[in-house]
């Protein structure tokens, strides 16, 4: 079975399709599968047992089903999309900036400035004095909250 888009469902009632998309809610509150081309309402009434995994709004799913006259997809099977290696994903999507943040350095990505700033605080004598007091009092069997 070939992976299809939601726009390829139109006018093809009674046919089976395999779709990849994000689970979401329509304005009417009904569960839908959304992809880049549109969305389709999902009907879980004929689904015997979902595939392995957790399916929540906002998660991606592979859905196999039959498109009906009333523009819904009767689900036959639902599952998680297959995993791919990091190298494969970067070769396909490496040029796309999903967050709109622009190019960042590794230091910016991990918040290096904050880490450096907090590291300086850890080497000051008051920190070690407080740490020694805390460790010393917690190893004492008669330790209580008032000692801290």
C-alpha atoms as a PDB file:
ATOM      1  CA  UNK A   1       0.000   0.000   0.000  1.00  0.00           C
ATOM      2  CA  UNK A   2       1.310   3.443  -0.935  1.00  0.00           C
ATOM      3  CA  UNK A   3       1.446   6.408   1.433  1.00  0.00           C
ATOM      4  CA  UNK A   4      -1.073   9.074   0.372  1.00  0.00           C
ATOM      5  CA  UNK A   5      -2.010  12.652   1.212  1.00  0.00           C
ATOM      6  CA  UNK A   6      -5.393  13.827   2.524  1.00  0.00           C
ATOM      7  CA  UNK A   7      -6.056  15.747  -0.701  1.00  0.00           C
ATOM      8  CA  UNK A   8      -5.869  12.444  -2.615  1.00  0.00           C
ATOM      9  CA  UNK A   9      -8.922  11.145  -0.724  1.00  0.00           C
ATOM     10  CA  UNK A  10     -11.422  13.499  -2.348  1.00  0.00           C
ATOM     11  CA  UNK A  11     -13.875  11.774  -4.650  1.00  0.00           C
ATOM     12  CA  UNK A  12     -12.516   8.316  -3.856  1.00  0.00           C
ATOM     13  CA  UNK A  13     -15.043   6.939  -1.356  1.00  0.00           C
ATOM     14  CA  UNK A  14     -14.858   3.199  -0.745  1.00  0.00           C
ATOM     15  CA  UNK A  15     -11.093   2.975  -1.334  1.00  0.00           C
ATOM     16  CA  UNK A  16      -8.431   2.093   1.251  1.00  0.00           C
ATOM     17  CA  UNK A  17      -5.641   4.531   2.049  1.00  0.00           C
ATOM     18  CA  UNK A  18      -2.501   4.738   4.155  1.00  0.00           C
ATOM     19  CA  UNK A  19      -1.918   8.211   5.606  1.00  0.00           C
ATOM     20  CA  UNK A  20       0.757   9.789   7.773  1.00  0.00           C
ATOM     21  CA  UNK A  21      -0.230  12.817   9.796  1.00  0.00           C
ATOM     22  CA  UNK A  22      -0.676  14.511  13.132  1.00  0.00           C
ATOM     23  CA  UNK A  23      -3.653  13.691  15.338  1.00  0.00           C
ATOM     24  CA  UNK A  24      -5.666  16.822  16.100  1.00  0.00           C
ATOM     25  CA  UNK A  25      -9.192  18.046  16.835  1.00  0.00           C
ATOM     26  CA  UNK A  26     -11.444  19.765  14.327  1.00  0.00           C
ATOM     27  CA  UNK A  27     -13.369  22.939  15.171  1.00  0.00           C
ATOM     28  CA  UNK A  28     -16.333  20.671  15.963  1.00  0.00           C
ATOM     29  CA  UNK A  29     -14.189  18.749  18.471  1.00  0.00           C
ATOM     30  CA  UNK A  30     -13.854  15.579  16.389  1.00  0.00           C
ATOM     31  CA  UNK A  31     -10.566  13.685  16.113  1.00  0.00           C
ATOM     32  CA  UNK A  32      -8.794  14.257  12.787  1.00  0.00           C
ATOM     33  CA  UNK A  33      -5.608  13.343  10.996  1.00  0.00           C
ATOM     34  CA  UNK A  34      -3.875  16.445   9.677  1.00  0.00           C
ATOM     35  CA  UNK A  35      -1.109  16.646   7.080  1.00  0.00           C
ATOM     36  CA  UNK A  36       0.409  19.420   4.949  1.00  0.00           C
ATOM     37  CA  UNK A  37      -2.502  19.299   2.484  1.00  0.00           C
ATOM     38  CA  UNK A  38      -5.486  19.212   4.816  1.00  0.00           C
ATOM     39  CA  UNK A  39      -7.237  17.012   7.332  1.00  0.00           C
ATOM     40  CA  UNK A  40      -9.713  14.164   7.483  1.00  0.00           C
ATOM     41  CA  UNK A  41     -12.076  13.178  10.279  1.00  0.00           C
ATOM     42  CA  UNK A  42     -11.314   9.791  11.824  1.00  0.00           C
ATOM     43  CA  UNK A  43     -13.868   7.094  12.683  1.00  0.00           C
ATOM     44  CA  UNK A  44     -12.563   4.575  15.227  1.00  0.00           C
ATOM     45  CA  UNK A  45     -15.757   2.466  15.350  1.00  0.00           C
ATOM     46  CA  UNK A  46     -14.344  -0.325  13.151  1.00  0.00           C
ATOM     47  CA  UNK A  47     -10.917  -0.454  14.809  1.00  0.00           C
ATOM     48  CA  UNK A  48     -10.469  -3.708  16.729  1.00  0.00           C
ATOM     49  CA  UNK A  49      -7.178  -2.955  18.448  1.00  0.00           C
ATOM     50  CA  UNK A  50      -4.758  -0.031  18.063  1.00  0.00           C
ATOM     51  CA  UNK A  51      -1.099  -0.690  17.360  1.00  0.00           C
ATOM     52  CA  UNK A  52       1.614  -0.409  19.971  1.00  0.00           C
ATOM     53  CA  UNK A  53       2.273   3.064  21.292  1.00  0.00           C
ATOM     54  CA  UNK A  54       0.584   6.047  22.835  1.00  0.00           C
ATOM     55  CA  UNK A  55      -1.627   8.145  20.569  1.00  0.00           C
ATOM     56  CA  UNK A  56      -2.407  11.650  21.810  1.00  0.00           C
ATOM     57  CA  UNK A  57      -3.357  14.905  20.154  1.00  0.00           C
ATOM     58  CA  UNK A  58      -0.255  16.322  18.520  1.00  0.00           C
ATOM     59  CA  UNK A  59       1.378  12.941  17.961  1.00  0.00           C
ATOM     60  CA  UNK A  60       2.130  11.557  14.519  1.00  0.00           C
ATOM     61  CA  UNK A  61       0.505   8.342  13.369  1.00  0.00           C
ATOM     62  CA  UNK A  62       0.301   6.046  10.377  1.00  0.00           C
ATOM     63  CA  UNK A  63      -3.360   5.350   9.710  1.00  0.00           C
ATOM     64  CA  UNK A  64      -4.836   2.788   7.345  1.00  0.00           C
ATOM     65  CA  UNK A  65      -8.503   3.076   6.599  1.00  0.00           C
ATOM     66  CA  UNK A  66     -11.352   3.273   4.143  1.00  0.00           C
ATOM     67  CA  UNK A  67     -12.581   6.670   2.995  1.00  0.00           C
ATOM     68  CA  UNK A  68     -16.378   6.980   3.268  1.00  0.00           C
ATOM     69  CA  UNK A  69     -19.091   8.973   1.506  1.00  0.00           C
ATOM     70  CA  UNK A  70     -19.442  11.293   4.508  1.00  0.00           C
ATOM     71  CA  UNK A  71     -15.758  12.383   4.227  1.00  0.00           C
ATOM     72  CA  UNK A  72     -14.443  10.358   7.156  1.00  0.00           C
ATOM     73  CA  UNK A  73     -11.744   7.729   7.304  1.00  0.00           C
ATOM     74  CA  UNK A  74     -12.878   4.480   8.936  1.00  0.00           C
ATOM     75  CA  UNK A  75      -9.728   3.280  10.620  1.00  0.00           C
ATOM     76  CA  UNK A  76      -8.647  -0.303  10.051  1.00  0.00           C
ATOM     77  CA  UNK A  77      -5.207   0.048  11.675  1.00  0.00           C
ATOM     78  CA  UNK A  78      -3.218   2.749  13.434  1.00  0.00           C
ATOM     79  CA  UNK A  79       0.444   2.703  14.403  1.00  0.00           C
ATOM     80  CA  UNK A  80       3.547   4.733  15.073  1.00  0.00           C
ATOM     81  CA  UNK A  81       5.686   5.876  12.139  1.00  0.00           C
ATOM     82  CA  UNK A  82       8.916   3.896  11.763  1.00  0.00           C
ATOM     83  CA  UNK A  83      12.107   5.270  13.288  1.00  0.00           C
ATOM     84  CA  UNK A  84      14.999   6.490  11.199  1.00  0.00           C
ATOM     85  CA  UNK A  85      18.613   7.170  12.052  1.00  0.00           C
ATOM     86  CA  UNK A  86      19.780  10.686  12.913  1.00  0.00           C
ATOM     87  CA  UNK A  87      22.002  10.709   9.831  1.00  0.00           C
ATOM     88  CA  UNK A  88      19.059   9.899   7.551  1.00  0.00           C
ATOM     89  CA  UNK A  89      16.845  12.529   9.177  1.00  0.00           C
ATOM     90  CA  UNK A  90      19.544  15.221   8.902  1.00  0.00           C
ATOM     91  CA  UNK A  91      20.123  14.413   5.239  1.00  0.00           C
ATOM     92  CA  UNK A  92      16.406  14.928   4.528  1.00  0.00           C
ATOM     93  CA  UNK A  93      15.466  17.724   6.954  1.00  0.00           C
ATOM     94  CA  UNK A  94      18.845  19.239   7.896  1.00  0.00           C
ATOM     95  CA  UNK A  95      18.257  22.416   5.880  1.00  0.00           C
ATOM     96  CA  UNK A  96      14.841  23.172   7.440  1.00  0.00           C
ATOM     97  CA  UNK A  97      14.593  25.569  10.392  1.00  0.00           C
ATOM     98  CA  UNK A  98      11.482  24.199  12.141  1.00  0.00           C
ATOM     99  CA  UNK A  99      11.601  26.749  14.983  1.00  0.00           C
ATOM    100  CA  UNK A 100      12.333  29.840  12.868  1.00  0.00           C
ATOM    101  CA  UNK A 101      15.238  30.677  15.165  1.00  0.00           C
ATOM    102  CA  UNK A 102      17.917  30.857  12.505  1.00  0.00           C
ATOM    103  CA  UNK A 103      21.366  29.376  12.680  1.00  0.00           C
ATOM    104  CA  UNK A 104      22.688  28.917  16.204  1.00  0.00           C
ATOM    105  CA  UNK A 105      25.979  27.726  17.593  1.00  0.00           C
ATOM    106  CA  UNK A 106      26.237  24.732  19.884  1.00  0.00           C
ATOM    107  CA  UNK A 107      26.994  27.056  22.791  1.00  0.00           C
ATOM    108  CA  UNK A 108      23.738  28.966  22.189  1.00  0.00           C
ATOM    109  CA  UNK A 109      21.757  25.746  21.826  1.00  0.00           C
ATOM    110  CA  UNK A 110      22.741  24.449  25.268  1.00  0.00           C
ATOM    111  CA  UNK A 111      22.603  27.818  26.989  1.00  0.00           C
ATOM    112  CA  UNK A 112      26.353  27.769  27.607  1.00  0.00           C
ATOM    113  CA  UNK A 113      26.406  31.253  29.117  1.00  0.00           C
ATOM    114  CA  UNK A 114      24.054  30.190  31.907  1.00  0.00           C
ATOM    115  CA  UNK A 115      26.078  27.051  32.595  1.00  0.00           C
ATOM    116  CA  UNK A 116      29.298  29.068  32.774  1.00  0.00           C
ATOM    117  CA  UNK A 117      27.687  31.632  35.084  1.00  0.00           C
ATOM    118  CA  UNK A 118      26.341  28.997  37.479  1.00  0.00           C
ATOM    119  CA  UNK A 119      29.677  27.139  37.505  1.00  0.00           C
ATOM    120  CA  UNK A 120      31.393  30.247  38.837  1.00  0.00           C
ATOM    121  CA  UNK A 121      28.993  30.345  41.768  1.00  0.00           C
ATOM    122  CA  UNK A 122      29.803  26.744  42.683  1.00  0.00           C
ATOM    123  CA  UNK A 123      33.513  27.394  43.241  1.00  0.00           C
ATOM    124  CA  UNK A 124      33.014  30.211  45.743  1.00  0.00           C
ATOM    125  CA  UNK A 125      33.870  29.415  49.403  1.00  0.00           C
ATOM    126  CA  UNK A 126      30.333  30.077  50.781  1.00  0.00           C
ATOM    127  CA  UNK A 127      28.996  27.294  48.580  1.00  0.00           C
ATOM    128  CA  UNK A 128      31.503  24.740  49.879  1.00  0.00           C
ATOM    129  CA  UNK A 129      30.929  25.839  53.459  1.00  0.00           C
ATOM    130  CA  UNK A 130      27.166  25.374  53.080  1.00  0.00           C
ATOM    131  CA  UNK A 131      27.636  22.040  51.324  1.00  0.00           C
ATOM    132  CA  UNK A 132      29.963  20.759  54.059  1.00  0.00           C
ATOM    133  CA  UNK A 133      27.437  21.829  56.708  1.00  0.00           C
ATOM    134  CA  UNK A 134      24.580  20.096  54.859  1.00  0.00           C
ATOM    135  CA  UNK A 135      26.461  16.847  54.233  1.00  0.00           C
ATOM    136  CA  UNK A 136      27.874  16.801  57.743  1.00  0.00           C
ATOM    137  CA  UNK A 137      24.496  17.326  59.407  1.00  0.00           C
ATOM    138  CA  UNK A 138      22.634  14.836  57.184  1.00  0.00           C
ATOM    139  CA  UNK A 139      25.125  12.064  57.995  1.00  0.00           C
ATOM    140  CA  UNK A 140      24.556  12.688  61.701  1.00  0.00           C
ATOM    141  CA  UNK A 141      21.761  10.362  62.978  1.00  0.00           C
ATOM    142  CA  UNK A 142      20.328  13.095  65.207  1.00  0.00           C
ATOM    143  CA  UNK A 143      19.858  15.458  62.262  1.00  0.00           C
ATOM    144  CA  UNK A 144      16.657  17.488  62.186  1.00  0.00           C
ATOM    145  CA  UNK A 145      15.193  20.209  60.008  1.00  0.00           C
ATOM    146  CA  UNK A 146      16.236  22.924  62.494  1.00  0.00           C
ATOM    147  CA  UNK A 147      19.922  22.000  61.980  1.00  0.00           C
ATOM    148  CA  UNK A 148      19.800  22.777  58.255  1.00  0.00           C
END
